[in-house]
Amino acid sequence: MPHDVTLIIMLAAAFGGALVLGWLAHRLRLPAIVGFLAAGVLIGPATPGYVADMALASQLAEIGVMLLMFGVGLHFSLDDLVKVRGIALPGALLQMAAALAMGFGLAHWWGWPWGAGLVFGMTLSVASTVVLLKALEARGLLESSDGKIAVGWLVVEDLVMVLVLVLLPVLAPLMLPEGAGAAVSGKALGAAIGLTLLKVTAFFVVMLVIGRRIYPKLLWAVAKTGNRELFTLAVVSSAIGIAVGAAALFDVSFALGAFFAGMMMRESDFSHRAAEESLPLRDAFAVLFFVSVGMLFDPAVLVEEPLRVLAVVGVVVVGKTIAAIAVVRALRYPWRTALTVGGSLAQIGEFSFILAGLGLALGLLGQEAMSLVVAGAVVSIAINPLLFAAVEPLKKRLEAKGAAQAVPQDLSDPLAVLPDAVDAERLRDHAVLVGYGRVGRVLAEQLTARGLPFVVVETQRDLVEGLRGRGQPAVLGDAQLPEVLVQAHLHHARLLVVAASDLLAVRGIATTAKALRPGIRILLRTHSADEAELLAGASLGEVFYAERELAIGLADRVSEVFKDGAAPSAGH
């Protein structure tokens, strides 16, 4: 050919192979991700035939990670990040420590040096951004409270990895086998740590103080042109440009820079349009990410070291999941949150490759360790959708058996009992609002604006803490349990409003309420016409179906317009 077409051929092979094998995986009732990974193996150096350019594939995958994190930032405000800090910060640190210990234990058992064990353990401790977000998006959980906890958890992991990647070159001589490295002074180490913290702090200040004020104005200036192509260009260039600039100036990761760029754009009125414009690119480059992971995988390691691969997968899929569930439950969050977080983080990905590659370059890890990390990533990524799919049935089984809480409501928890300071007048002829998600939050705002008393019942600890901090009566617990509704003073309430989204939970709450107080009026929110029909047939209360209520509201407004005056003239 007259000119270099390496990139074009690689894209054709990657997308074509991903399409065919992804479709085949779907037909076999496997996650499409398995097909994408297999396509990468076929065009990688471990198999005969065409071999794609590894460097190009890696860069394209990095763009996918940036665009995906940018999309998350569009849906994840700074307030959301602050709200989940109580679980995301300790949870991420404890889970990473557990995975580090397990990985270090394996390395020690295999006879590796202690420095190699530490780096290897760290590679197993951090989850893949792309896999987590795809799992949450596929199940509509990205904007849920559980999804925000998982994303916040991942952001904390990313911040830790940023520090590790910056400090590792300085610490490497101390971690090499005796006599293999030079000594490092405490002064040099302290200076490196201080500089890293200073850069990360400076990045946060620039993005949150300057970017939050200027960025939405710039986007508005582009939107006023009315040119769709310019708006799309502004969105994509912002995501990639800020990510690259953040990495160059502050030494933070591309993914973290793009995440904060999305958070800044969220402050604009055009955040939803920006999300729609970037979605096709995000999906396309996410496919390239999975293909690039498959290219790193050598299937021979499954034959040569099957037990070691199995051990690595066990740490990532089983060990990390159990650690995450244990931490979430220890922090008194419900099984639903524990299972969602545990399932979504039971894999490793891009940061693991970056850290393993750095360890290899510094002489801390051998090629065998790199192969095991890649094998663990490929297998865990392929398994993760299946593991995540088991979360909902398991959660429903636990709830059906009444095990959504570890024990009947723990009244020793101060958040599970209304404070004595709550005015008695607010606990009589009031509404009990179950669920403080997107619908519940808007409803609470409307009730507050109209001066109507209500008590919120919510399973998310951070939400209850926030409500009480604003003086709003709230109870922590599962409203399917009688003692929780008793704490919300259901026996004195005028009505019960269930804004929760889980059909099984909605039925359980309504059934419990009727048993406690047979004559209470109950309003139920549902997602679909089928769910509305089931609830209405059970005579559990008045059912409100979102699309139907929206249509009724629009029809009422149309009627008001016609009543207000004559229709506009033809010239207008």
Protein backbone atom coordinates (compact mmCIF):
# COMPACT_ATOMS: atom_id res chain seq x y z
CA MET A 1 0.00 0.00 0.00
CA PRO A 2 1.23 3.57 -0.71
CA HIS A 3 1.16 4.65 2.96
CA ASP A 4 1.14 3.24 6.48
CA VAL A 5 -2.25 1.82 7.41
CA THR A 6 -1.26 0.04 10.63
CA LEU A 7 -3.91 1.82 12.70
CA ILE A 8 -6.67 1.23 10.15
CA ILE A 9 -5.92 -2.49 9.86
CA MET A 10 -5.74 -2.87 13.64
CA LEU A 11 -9.10 -1.13 14.13
CA ALA A 12 -10.71 -3.28 11.43
CA ALA A 13 -9.37 -6.48 13.00
CA ALA A 14 -10.25 -5.42 16.56
CA PHE A 15 -13.78 -4.22 15.84
CA GLY A 16 -14.54 -7.01 13.38
CA GLY A 17 -13.26 -9.75 15.66
CA ALA A 18 -15.04 -8.23 18.66
CA LEU A 19 -18.32 -8.08 16.73
CA VAL A 20 -18.20 -11.70 15.55
CA LEU A 21 -16.95 -13.22 18.80
CA GLY A 22 -19.11 -10.94 20.94
CA TRP A 23 -22.18 -12.05 18.98
CA LEU A 24 -21.12 -15.70 19.33
CA ALA A 25 -20.65 -15.29 23.09
CA HIS A 26 -24.11 -13.75 23.33
CA ARG A 27 -25.60 -16.69 21.43
CA LEU A 28 -23.91 -19.05 23.91
CA ARG A 29 -25.49 -17.05 26.77
CA LEU A 30 -22.09 -15.73 27.84
CA PRO A 31 -21.24 -12.06 28.47
CA ALA A 32 -20.21 -10.21 25.29
CA ILE A 33 -17.04 -9.19 27.15
CA VAL A 34 -15.83 -12.79 26.84
CA GLY A 35 -16.00 -12.44 23.05
CA PHE A 36 -14.14 -9.11 23.13
CA LEU A 37 -11.35 -10.68 25.21
CA ALA A 38 -11.16 -13.66 22.84
CA ALA A 39 -10.85 -11.28 19.88
CA GLY A 40 -7.84 -9.70 21.59
CA VAL A 41 -6.22 -13.11 22.10
CA LEU A 42 -6.64 -13.89 18.39
CA ILE A 43 -4.90 -10.72 17.21
CA GLY A 44 -2.30 -10.77 20.00
CA PRO A 45 1.28 -12.07 19.85
CA ALA A 46 0.44 -15.35 21.63
CA THR A 47 -1.52 -16.76 18.67
CA PRO A 48 -0.50 -17.32 15.04
CA GLY A 49 -1.58 -15.04 12.21
CA TYR A 50 -2.07 -11.28 12.23
CA VAL A 51 -0.56 -9.49 15.25
CA ALA A 52 -1.87 -6.01 16.06
CA ASP A 53 0.32 -3.15 17.25
CA MET A 54 0.38 -3.46 21.04
CA ALA A 55 1.43 0.14 21.62
CA LEU A 56 -1.41 1.53 19.50
CA ALA A 57 -3.94 -0.78 21.15
CA SER A 58 -2.80 0.32 24.60
CA GLN A 59 -3.19 4.01 23.76
CA LEU A 60 -6.64 3.51 22.24
CA ALA A 61 -7.71 1.58 25.33
CA GLU A 62 -6.46 4.43 27.52
CA ILE A 63 -8.71 6.81 25.59
CA GLY A 64 -11.61 4.49 26.33
CA VAL A 65 -10.85 4.59 30.04
CA MET A 66 -10.70 8.40 29.93
CA LEU A 67 -14.03 8.73 28.13
CA LEU A 68 -15.70 6.25 30.43
CA MET A 69 -14.46 8.01 33.58
CA PHE A 70 -15.55 11.31 32.06
CA GLY A 71 -19.05 9.87 31.69
CA VAL A 72 -19.03 8.78 35.32
CA GLY A 73 -18.04 12.27 36.40
CA LEU A 74 -21.05 13.63 34.52
CA HIS A 75 -23.32 11.59 36.80
CA PHE A 76 -21.28 11.84 40.01
CA SER A 77 -21.18 15.20 41.74
CA LEU A 78 -18.72 16.29 44.40
CA ASP A 79 -21.58 16.14 46.91
CA ASP A 80 -22.10 12.47 46.00
CA LEU A 81 -18.41 11.79 46.59
CA VAL A 82 -18.52 13.50 49.98
CA LYS A 83 -21.68 11.62 50.99
CA VAL A 84 -20.14 8.18 50.47
CA ARG A 85 -16.79 8.99 52.08
CA GLY A 86 -17.88 7.29 55.31
CA ILE A 87 -17.97 3.90 53.57
CA ALA A 88 -15.85 4.41 50.42
CA LEU A 89 -12.71 5.60 52.24
CA PRO A 90 -12.41 2.95 54.97
CA GLY A 91 -13.92 0.28 52.73
CA ALA A 92 -11.47 0.77 49.87
CA LEU A 93 -8.46 0.97 52.18
CA LEU A 94 -9.42 -2.15 54.14
CA GLN A 95 -10.23 -4.16 51.02
CA MET A 96 -6.96 -3.13 49.38
CA ALA A 97 -5.08 -4.10 52.54
CA ALA A 98 -6.78 -7.51 52.55
CA ALA A 99 -5.97 -8.14 48.87
CA LEU A 100 -2.39 -6.94 49.42
CA ALA A 101 -1.97 -9.38 52.31
CA MET A 102 -3.39 -12.28 50.28
CA GLY A 103 -1.21 -11.49 47.26
CA PHE A 104 1.86 -11.07 49.44
CA GLY A 105 1.10 -14.41 51.10
CA LEU A 106 0.96 -16.17 47.73
CA ALA A 107 4.23 -14.59 46.60
CA HIS A 108 5.94 -15.59 49.86
CA TRP A 109 4.64 -19.15 49.46
CA TRP A 110 6.10 -19.26 45.96
CA GLY A 111 9.47 -18.06 47.24
CA TRP A 112 9.46 -14.57 45.73
CA PRO A 113 11.36 -11.66 47.37
CA TRP A 114 9.31 -9.52 49.78
CA GLY A 115 9.47 -6.49 47.46
CA ALA A 116 7.99 -8.54 44.62
CA GLY A 117 5.29 -9.77 46.98
CA LEU A 118 4.26 -6.23 47.93
CA VAL A 119 4.00 -5.07 44.32
CA PHE A 120 2.20 -8.26 43.29
CA GLY A 121 -0.29 -7.85 46.13
CA MET A 122 -0.98 -4.24 45.12
CA THR A 123 -1.69 -5.30 41.53
CA LEU A 124 -4.45 -7.59 42.84
CA SER A 125 -6.00 -4.93 45.08
CA VAL A 126 -7.37 -2.42 42.56
CA ALA A 127 -10.41 -3.01 40.35
CA SER A 128 -10.85 -2.10 36.69
CA THR A 129 -12.68 1.15 36.03
CA VAL A 130 -14.08 -0.04 32.70
CA VAL A 131 -15.43 -3.35 33.99
CA LEU A 132 -17.05 -1.81 37.07
CA LEU A 133 -18.76 0.95 35.13
CA LYS A 134 -19.98 -1.40 32.42
CA ALA A 135 -21.47 -3.71 35.05
CA LEU A 136 -23.23 -0.85 36.83
CA GLU A 137 -24.49 0.72 33.58
CA ALA A 138 -25.81 -2.59 32.26
CA ARG A 139 -27.99 -2.97 35.35
CA GLY A 140 -29.04 0.66 35.71
CA LEU A 141 -27.18 1.01 39.01
CA LEU A 142 -24.74 3.78 38.10
CA GLU A 143 -26.89 6.53 39.59
CA SER A 144 -28.20 4.44 42.49
CA SER A 145 -26.88 4.90 46.02
CA ASP A 146 -25.15 1.51 45.83
CA GLY A 147 -23.61 2.42 42.48
CA LYS A 148 -22.30 5.70 43.85
CA ILE A 149 -20.72 3.89 46.77
CA ALA A 150 -18.98 1.49 44.36
CA VAL A 151 -17.76 4.38 42.17
CA GLY A 152 -16.59 6.34 45.22
CA TRP A 153 -14.81 3.21 46.42
CA LEU A 154 -13.06 2.97 43.04
CA VAL A 155 -12.04 6.65 43.15
CA VAL A 156 -10.35 6.05 46.50
CA GLU A 157 -8.53 3.04 45.02
CA ASP A 158 -7.40 5.17 42.07
CA LEU A 159 -6.05 7.86 44.41
CA VAL A 160 -4.09 5.25 46.34
CA MET A 161 -2.68 3.83 43.11
CA VAL A 162 -1.63 7.31 41.96
CA LEU A 163 0.46 7.63 45.12
CA VAL A 164 1.87 4.11 44.70
CA LEU A 165 2.89 4.67 41.07
CA VAL A 166 4.65 7.94 41.93
CA LEU A 167 6.41 6.64 45.04
CA LEU A 168 7.39 3.19 43.76
CA PRO A 169 10.44 4.38 41.73
CA VAL A 170 11.78 6.12 44.85
CA LEU A 171 11.13 3.11 47.11
CA ALA A 172 12.28 0.47 44.60
CA PRO A 173 15.94 0.39 45.74
CA LEU A 174 14.78 -0.41 49.29
CA MET A 175 12.55 -3.22 48.01
CA LEU A 176 15.10 -5.00 45.83
CA PRO A 177 16.85 -8.12 47.16
CA GLU A 178 19.81 -7.36 49.45
CA GLY A 179 22.73 -5.92 47.54
CA ALA A 180 20.74 -5.35 44.35
CA GLY A 181 19.90 -1.70 44.94
CA ALA A 182 21.29 1.51 46.29
CA ALA A 183 20.36 3.06 49.61
CA VAL A 184 17.74 5.79 49.76
CA SER A 185 17.97 8.56 52.31
CA GLY A 186 15.02 9.42 54.51
CA LYS A 187 15.28 13.00 53.29
CA ALA A 188 14.85 11.98 49.63
CA LEU A 189 11.93 9.72 50.50
CA GLY A 190 10.20 12.43 52.54
CA ALA A 191 10.71 14.95 49.73
CA ALA A 192 9.18 12.56 47.17
CA ILE A 193 6.14 11.87 49.33
CA GLY A 194 5.66 15.57 50.10
CA LEU A 195 5.92 16.54 46.43
CA THR A 196 3.37 13.90 45.45
CA LEU A 197 0.86 15.05 48.05
CA LEU A 198 1.42 18.67 47.04
CA LYS A 199 0.73 17.90 43.36
CA VAL A 200 -2.42 15.92 44.09
CA THR A 201 -3.69 18.68 46.39
CA ALA A 202 -2.94 21.32 43.76
CA PHE A 203 -4.89 19.29 41.19
CA PHE A 204 -7.94 19.10 43.44
CA VAL A 205 -7.80 22.84 44.15
CA VAL A 206 -7.51 23.78 40.47
CA MET A 207 -10.34 21.48 39.40
CA LEU A 208 -12.74 22.20 42.26
CA VAL A 209 -12.14 25.93 42.67
CA ILE A 210 -11.20 27.19 39.22
CA GLY A 211 -12.61 24.49 36.95
CA ARG A 212 -15.96 24.36 38.70
CA ARG A 213 -16.53 28.05 38.00
CA ILE A 214 -14.99 28.46 34.54
CA TYR A 215 -15.72 25.16 32.81
CA PRO A 216 -19.56 25.43 32.71
CA LYS A 217 -19.26 28.98 31.31
CA LEU A 218 -17.01 27.80 28.49
CA LEU A 219 -19.41 25.01 27.63
CA TRP A 220 -22.33 27.45 27.61
CA ALA A 221 -20.40 29.71 25.19
CA VAL A 222 -19.99 26.78 22.77
CA ALA A 223 -23.61 25.67 23.17
CA LYS A 224 -24.86 29.16 22.25
CA THR A 225 -23.42 28.73 18.75
CA GLY A 226 -26.10 26.10 18.09
CA ASN A 227 -23.54 23.98 16.23
CA ARG A 228 -23.82 20.32 17.25
CA GLU A 229 -20.41 19.39 15.87
CA LEU A 230 -18.71 22.10 17.93
CA PHE A 231 -20.53 20.99 21.06
CA THR A 232 -19.49 17.35 20.55
CA LEU A 233 -15.92 18.50 19.92
CA ALA A 234 -15.99 20.58 23.10
CA VAL A 235 -17.12 17.58 25.13
CA VAL A 236 -14.55 15.12 23.74
CA SER A 237 -11.66 17.59 23.72
CA SER A 238 -12.44 18.57 27.31
CA ALA A 239 -12.46 14.97 28.50
CA ILE A 240 -9.18 14.06 26.83
CA GLY A 241 -7.47 17.45 27.11
CA ILE A 242 -8.04 17.87 30.85
CA ALA A 243 -7.00 14.26 31.48
CA VAL A 244 -3.72 14.72 29.58
CA GLY A 245 -3.09 18.11 31.14
CA ALA A 246 -3.71 16.76 34.64
CA ALA A 247 -1.27 13.90 34.05
CA ALA A 248 1.39 16.24 32.65
CA LEU A 249 1.11 18.97 35.28
CA PHE A 250 0.10 17.08 38.42
CA ASP A 251 1.21 13.47 37.80
CA VAL A 252 -2.28 12.07 38.38
CA SER A 253 -3.71 9.34 36.17
CA PHE A 254 -5.54 10.04 32.91
CA ALA A 255 -8.62 8.30 34.34
CA LEU A 256 -8.71 10.50 37.45
CA GLY A 257 -8.25 13.67 35.40
CA ALA A 258 -11.11 12.71 33.08
CA PHE A 259 -13.31 11.85 36.06
CA PHE A 260 -12.90 15.33 37.51
CA ALA A 261 -13.47 16.90 34.09
CA GLY A 262 -16.86 15.16 34.01
CA MET A 263 -17.64 16.38 37.51
CA MET A 264 -16.90 19.95 36.41
CA MET A 265 -19.13 19.62 33.34
CA ARG A 266 -21.92 18.34 35.58
CA GLU A 267 -22.21 21.88 36.94
CA SER A 268 -23.45 22.94 33.48
CA ASP A 269 -27.06 22.67 32.37
CA PHE A 270 -25.83 20.64 29.39
CA SER A 271 -24.48 17.66 31.34
CA HIS A 272 -27.17 15.26 30.02
CA ARG A 273 -26.53 16.31 26.44
CA ALA A 274 -22.79 15.93 26.98
CA ALA A 275 -23.36 12.38 28.25
CA GLU A 276 -25.41 11.51 25.16
CA GLU A 277 -22.87 13.00 22.77
CA SER A 278 -19.95 11.05 24.27
CA LEU A 279 -21.79 7.73 24.67
CA PRO A 280 -21.02 6.21 21.21
CA LEU A 281 -17.32 6.98 21.58
CA ARG A 282 -17.28 5.59 25.10
CA ASP A 283 -18.83 2.31 23.95
CA ALA A 284 -16.48 1.93 20.99
CA PHE A 285 -13.32 2.59 22.96
CA ALA A 286 -14.50 0.39 25.84
CA VAL A 287 -14.56 -2.49 23.34
CA LEU A 288 -10.98 -1.64 22.37
CA PHE A 289 -10.01 -1.78 26.03
CA PHE A 290 -11.21 -5.36 26.37
CA VAL A 291 -9.56 -6.31 23.10
CA SER A 292 -6.26 -4.81 24.29
CA VAL A 293 -6.48 -6.82 27.53
CA GLY A 294 -6.98 -9.98 25.49
CA MET A 295 -3.88 -9.14 23.45
CA LEU A 296 -1.75 -9.24 26.61
CA PHE A 297 -2.95 -12.73 27.50
CA ASP A 298 -0.88 -15.81 26.69
CA PRO A 299 -3.12 -18.90 26.97
CA ALA A 300 -0.01 -21.02 27.56
CA VAL A 301 0.12 -19.83 31.17
CA LEU A 302 -3.13 -21.75 31.83
CA VAL A 303 -1.31 -24.97 30.90
CA GLU A 304 2.09 -24.17 32.41
CA GLU A 305 0.91 -22.66 35.74
CA PRO A 306 -2.75 -23.65 36.22
CA LEU A 307 -2.61 -23.77 40.05
CA ARG A 308 -0.97 -20.36 40.34
CA VAL A 309 -3.50 -18.83 37.95
CA LEU A 310 -6.29 -20.42 39.97
CA ALA A 311 -4.80 -18.98 43.17
CA VAL A 312 -4.64 -15.48 41.68
CA VAL A 313 -8.22 -15.72 40.43
CA GLY A 314 -9.25 -16.96 43.86
CA VAL A 315 -7.75 -13.88 45.55
CA VAL A 316 -9.37 -11.49 43.06
CA VAL A 317 -12.80 -13.07 42.71
CA VAL A 318 -13.33 -14.77 46.06
CA GLY A 319 -10.97 -13.06 48.49
CA LYS A 320 -11.72 -9.47 47.46
CA THR A 321 -15.46 -10.15 47.30
CA ILE A 322 -15.57 -11.61 50.81
CA ALA A 323 -13.40 -8.77 52.13
CA ALA A 324 -15.65 -6.10 50.57
CA ILE A 325 -18.86 -7.74 51.81
CA ALA A 326 -17.41 -8.10 55.31
CA VAL A 327 -16.33 -4.46 55.44
CA VAL A 328 -19.67 -3.14 54.16
CA ARG A 329 -21.61 -5.28 56.61
CA ALA A 330 -19.28 -4.26 59.45
CA LEU A 331 -20.15 -0.64 58.65
CA ARG A 332 -23.83 -1.61 59.13
CA TYR A 333 -24.94 -1.34 55.51
CA PRO A 334 -27.57 -3.77 54.15
CA TRP A 335 -26.88 -6.95 52.22
CA ARG A 336 -27.96 -5.25 48.98
CA THR A 337 -25.12 -2.75 49.21
CA ALA A 338 -22.61 -5.35 50.37
CA LEU A 339 -23.38 -7.73 47.49
CA THR A 340 -23.40 -4.96 44.88
CA VAL A 341 -20.04 -3.55 45.99
CA GLY A 342 -18.48 -6.97 46.43
CA GLY A 343 -19.57 -8.21 43.02
CA SER A 344 -18.62 -5.08 41.11
CA LEU A 345 -15.07 -4.94 42.52
CA ALA A 346 -14.20 -8.63 42.09
CA GLN A 347 -11.84 -8.08 39.14
CA ILE A 348 -8.62 -6.29 38.19
CA GLY A 349 -7.65 -4.32 35.11
CA GLU A 350 -5.80 -1.31 33.75
CA PHE A 351 -4.09 -0.07 36.92
CA SER A 352 -2.92 -3.60 37.64
CA PHE A 353 -1.20 -3.74 34.24
CA ILE A 354 0.40 -0.33 34.73
CA LEU A 355 1.74 -1.23 38.17
CA ALA A 356 2.94 -4.66 37.06
CA GLY A 357 4.70 -3.08 34.07
CA LEU A 358 6.40 -0.55 36.33
CA GLY A 359 7.45 -3.31 38.72
CA LEU A 360 8.88 -5.24 35.79
CA ALA A 361 10.85 -2.19 34.57
CA LEU A 362 12.24 -1.54 38.07
CA GLY A 363 13.36 -5.13 38.48
CA LEU A 364 10.90 -5.87 41.28
CA LEU A 365 8.75 -8.32 39.33
CA GLY A 366 9.62 -11.07 36.88
CA GLN A 367 7.86 -11.96 33.63
CA GLU A 368 6.04 -14.79 35.41
CA ALA A 369 4.35 -12.28 37.73
CA MET A 370 3.28 -10.16 34.77
CA SER A 371 1.76 -13.21 33.07
CA LEU A 372 -0.12 -14.16 36.23
CA VAL A 373 -1.52 -10.64 36.63
CA VAL A 374 -2.76 -10.60 33.04
CA ALA A 375 -4.22 -14.10 33.37
CA GLY A 376 -5.97 -13.10 36.59
CA ALA A 377 -7.35 -10.00 34.91
CA VAL A 378 -8.66 -11.82 31.84
CA VAL A 379 -10.32 -14.61 33.83
CA SER A 380 -11.78 -12.26 36.47
CA ILE A 381 -13.11 -9.87 33.83
CA ALA A 382 -14.72 -12.77 31.98
CA ILE A 383 -16.27 -14.13 35.19
CA ASN A 384 -17.36 -10.77 36.62
CA PRO A 385 -20.62 -10.35 34.64
CA LEU A 386 -21.68 -13.83 35.76
CA LEU A 387 -20.81 -13.03 39.37
CA PHE A 388 -22.61 -9.71 39.19
CA ALA A 389 -25.68 -11.37 37.66
CA ALA A 390 -25.92 -13.55 40.77
CA VAL A 391 -26.18 -10.50 43.06
CA GLU A 392 -29.87 -9.81 42.43
CA PRO A 393 -31.15 -13.39 42.89
CA LEU A 394 -29.03 -13.81 46.02
CA LYS A 395 -30.26 -10.51 47.42
CA LYS A 396 -33.88 -11.48 46.79
CA ARG A 397 -33.33 -14.88 48.38
CA LEU A 398 -31.88 -13.25 51.49
CA GLU A 399 -34.74 -10.75 51.63
CA ALA A 400 -37.34 -13.47 51.09
CA LYS A 401 -35.92 -15.32 54.09
CA GLY A 402 -35.94 -12.15 56.14
CA ALA A 403 -32.15 -12.00 56.21
CA ALA A 404 -31.70 -8.60 54.62
CA GLN A 405 -30.51 -7.49 58.06
CA ALA A 406 -28.00 -9.62 60.00
CA VAL A 407 -30.34 -9.54 63.02
CA PRO A 408 -33.73 -7.97 63.77
CA GLN A 409 -33.23 -4.23 63.78
CA ASP A 410 -30.33 -3.33 66.07
CA LEU A 411 -31.85 -0.71 68.34
CA SER A 412 -28.46 -0.06 69.91
CA ASP A 413 -27.55 1.81 66.73
CA PRO A 414 -28.38 5.49 67.37
CA LEU A 415 -29.49 5.95 63.76
CA ALA A 416 -32.06 3.15 64.12
CA VAL A 417 -33.98 5.07 66.78
CA LEU A 418 -35.50 8.53 66.46
CA PRO A 419 -33.87 11.01 68.84
CA ASP A 420 -35.90 12.16 71.85
CA ALA A 421 -35.37 15.74 70.69
CA VAL A 422 -37.75 15.32 67.73
CA ASP A 423 -40.87 17.45 68.25
CA ALA A 424 -43.84 15.21 69.07
CA GLU A 425 -46.05 17.31 66.76
CA ARG A 426 -43.94 16.13 63.80
CA LEU A 427 -44.66 12.50 64.71
CA ARG A 428 -48.44 12.64 64.57
CA ASP A 429 -50.58 12.76 61.42
CA HIS A 430 -47.34 12.68 59.42
CA ALA A 431 -46.19 10.74 56.36
CA VAL A 432 -43.69 7.89 56.53
CA LEU A 433 -41.48 8.09 53.42
CA VAL A 434 -39.57 4.90 52.63
CA GLY A 435 -36.64 5.43 50.27
CA TYR A 436 -34.56 8.56 49.71
CA GLY A 437 -33.36 7.93 46.18
CA ARG A 438 -34.09 10.09 43.14
CA VAL A 439 -37.88 9.95 43.57
CA GLY A 440 -37.83 10.06 47.36
CA ARG A 441 -35.50 13.05 47.43
CA VAL A 442 -37.73 15.12 45.14
CA LEU A 443 -40.83 14.11 47.10
CA ALA A 444 -39.13 15.09 50.37
CA GLU A 445 -38.27 18.51 48.94
CA GLN A 446 -41.90 19.04 47.93
CA LEU A 447 -43.22 17.98 51.34
CA THR A 448 -40.75 20.30 53.07
CA ALA A 449 -41.68 23.22 50.82
CA ARG A 450 -45.36 22.69 51.68
CA GLY A 451 -44.72 22.40 55.40
CA LEU A 452 -45.97 18.82 55.67
CA PRO A 453 -44.41 16.62 58.40
CA PHE A 454 -42.75 13.32 57.44
CA VAL A 455 -40.23 10.75 58.63
CA VAL A 456 -37.77 9.14 56.21
CA VAL A 457 -36.85 5.45 56.43
CA GLU A 458 -33.67 4.57 54.51
CA THR A 459 -31.12 1.73 54.48
CA GLN A 460 -28.18 3.94 53.50
CA ARG A 461 -26.33 5.13 56.57
CA ASP A 462 -24.81 8.21 54.95
CA LEU A 463 -28.22 9.43 53.76
CA VAL A 464 -29.75 9.10 57.23
CA GLU A 465 -26.80 10.95 58.77
CA GLY A 466 -27.20 13.76 56.23
CA LEU A 467 -30.95 14.06 56.83
CA ARG A 468 -30.54 14.22 60.58
CA GLY A 469 -27.81 16.79 60.15
CA ARG A 470 -30.40 19.03 58.46
CA GLY A 471 -32.93 18.44 61.22
CA GLN A 472 -35.11 16.01 59.25
CA PRO A 473 -36.42 12.99 61.25
CA ALA A 474 -35.01 9.82 59.69
CA VAL A 475 -34.61 6.18 60.68
CA LEU A 476 -31.97 3.73 59.49
CA GLY A 477 -33.26 0.26 58.66
CA ASP A 478 -35.20 -2.05 56.37
CA ALA A 479 -38.87 -1.01 56.37
CA GLN A 480 -39.89 -4.63 55.82
CA LEU A 481 -39.11 -5.16 59.51
CA PRO A 482 -41.94 -4.18 61.88
CA GLU A 483 -39.63 -2.57 64.44
CA VAL A 484 -38.34 -0.14 61.81
CA LEU A 485 -41.82 1.12 60.94
CA VAL A 486 -42.60 1.33 64.65
CA GLN A 487 -39.58 3.61 65.08
CA ALA A 488 -40.96 5.81 62.28
CA HIS A 489 -44.18 6.10 64.37
CA LEU A 490 -46.33 4.39 61.75
CA HIS A 491 -49.08 3.91 64.34
CA HIS A 492 -49.54 7.71 64.44
CA ALA A 493 -48.95 8.36 60.72
CA ARG A 494 -51.56 9.53 58.24
CA LEU A 495 -50.07 7.62 55.32
CA LEU A 496 -47.13 5.55 54.11
CA VAL A 497 -45.30 6.45 50.88
CA VAL A 498 -43.02 3.77 49.45
CA ALA A 499 -40.54 5.30 46.99
CA ALA A 500 -38.23 2.26 46.92
CA SER A 501 -37.58 0.71 43.49
CA ASP A 502 -37.37 -3.01 44.37
CA LEU A 503 -40.70 -4.77 43.72
CA LEU A 504 -40.10 -7.49 46.30
CA ALA A 505 -39.17 -4.92 48.94
CA VAL A 506 -42.19 -2.76 48.07
CA ARG A 507 -44.56 -5.68 48.59
CA GLY A 508 -42.85 -6.63 51.84
CA ILE A 509 -43.04 -3.09 53.20
CA ALA A 510 -46.71 -2.70 52.32
CA THR A 511 -47.58 -6.10 53.82
CA THR A 512 -45.76 -5.27 57.07
CA ALA A 513 -47.46 -1.86 57.27
CA LYS A 514 -50.92 -3.36 56.80
CA ALA A 515 -50.24 -5.91 59.52
CA LEU A 516 -49.15 -3.17 61.93
CA ARG A 517 -51.90 -0.73 61.03
CA PRO A 518 -54.61 -2.21 58.76
CA GLY A 519 -56.36 1.05 57.93
CA ILE A 520 -53.35 3.16 56.91
CA ARG A 521 -53.33 4.68 53.44
CA ILE A 522 -50.38 3.48 51.31
CA LEU A 523 -48.92 5.06 48.15
CA LEU A 524 -46.61 2.84 46.09
CA ARG A 525 -44.14 3.83 43.36
CA THR A 526 -43.27 1.39 40.58
CA HIS A 527 -41.09 1.28 37.46
CA SER A 528 -43.17 -0.61 34.90
CA ALA A 529 -46.73 -1.30 33.85
CA ASP A 530 -46.31 -5.00 34.74
CA GLU A 531 -45.19 -4.16 38.27
CA ALA A 532 -48.05 -1.66 38.62
CA GLU A 533 -50.54 -4.35 37.59
CA LEU A 534 -49.13 -6.84 40.10
CA LEU A 535 -49.24 -4.36 42.98
CA ALA A 536 -52.71 -3.15 42.07
CA GLY A 537 -53.95 -6.74 41.90
CA ALA A 538 -52.62 -7.41 45.38
CA SER A 539 -54.62 -4.45 46.75
CA LEU A 540 -51.64 -3.19 48.72
CA GLY A 541 -52.25 0.51 48.07
CA GLU A 542 -52.49 3.22 45.42
CA VAL A 543 -49.96 2.55 42.67
CA PHE A 544 -48.10 5.30 40.79
CA TYR A 545 -46.41 4.31 37.55
CA ALA A 546 -43.84 6.89 36.35
CA GLU A 547 -44.72 7.07 32.64
CA ARG A 548 -48.47 7.11 33.34
CA GLU A 549 -48.19 9.91 35.91
CA LEU A 550 -46.00 11.91 33.52
CA ALA A 551 -48.56 11.54 30.74
CA ILE A 552 -51.37 12.62 33.08
CA GLY A 553 -49.35 15.64 34.20
CA LEU A 554 -48.68 16.68 30.61
CA ALA A 555 -52.34 16.23 29.68
CA ASP A 556 -53.39 18.42 32.62
CA ARG A 557 -50.97 21.13 31.51
CA VAL A 558 -52.24 20.93 27.91
CA SER A 559 -55.79 21.37 29.21
CA GLU A 560 -54.72 24.40 31.24
CA VAL A 561 -53.16 26.01 28.15
CA PHE A 562 -56.37 25.57 26.17
CA LYS A 563 -58.41 27.01 29.03
CA ASP A 564 -56.14 30.02 29.50
CA GLY A 565 -56.89 31.58 26.14
CA ALA A 566 -57.18 31.32 22.38
CA ALA A 567 -54.62 29.43 20.33
CA PRO A 568 -51.83 31.54 18.75
CA SER A 569 -52.39 32.87 15.28
CA ALA A 570 -51.05 31.07 12.22
CA GLY A 571 -48.33 33.69 11.80
CA HIS A 572 -46.74 32.64 15.07
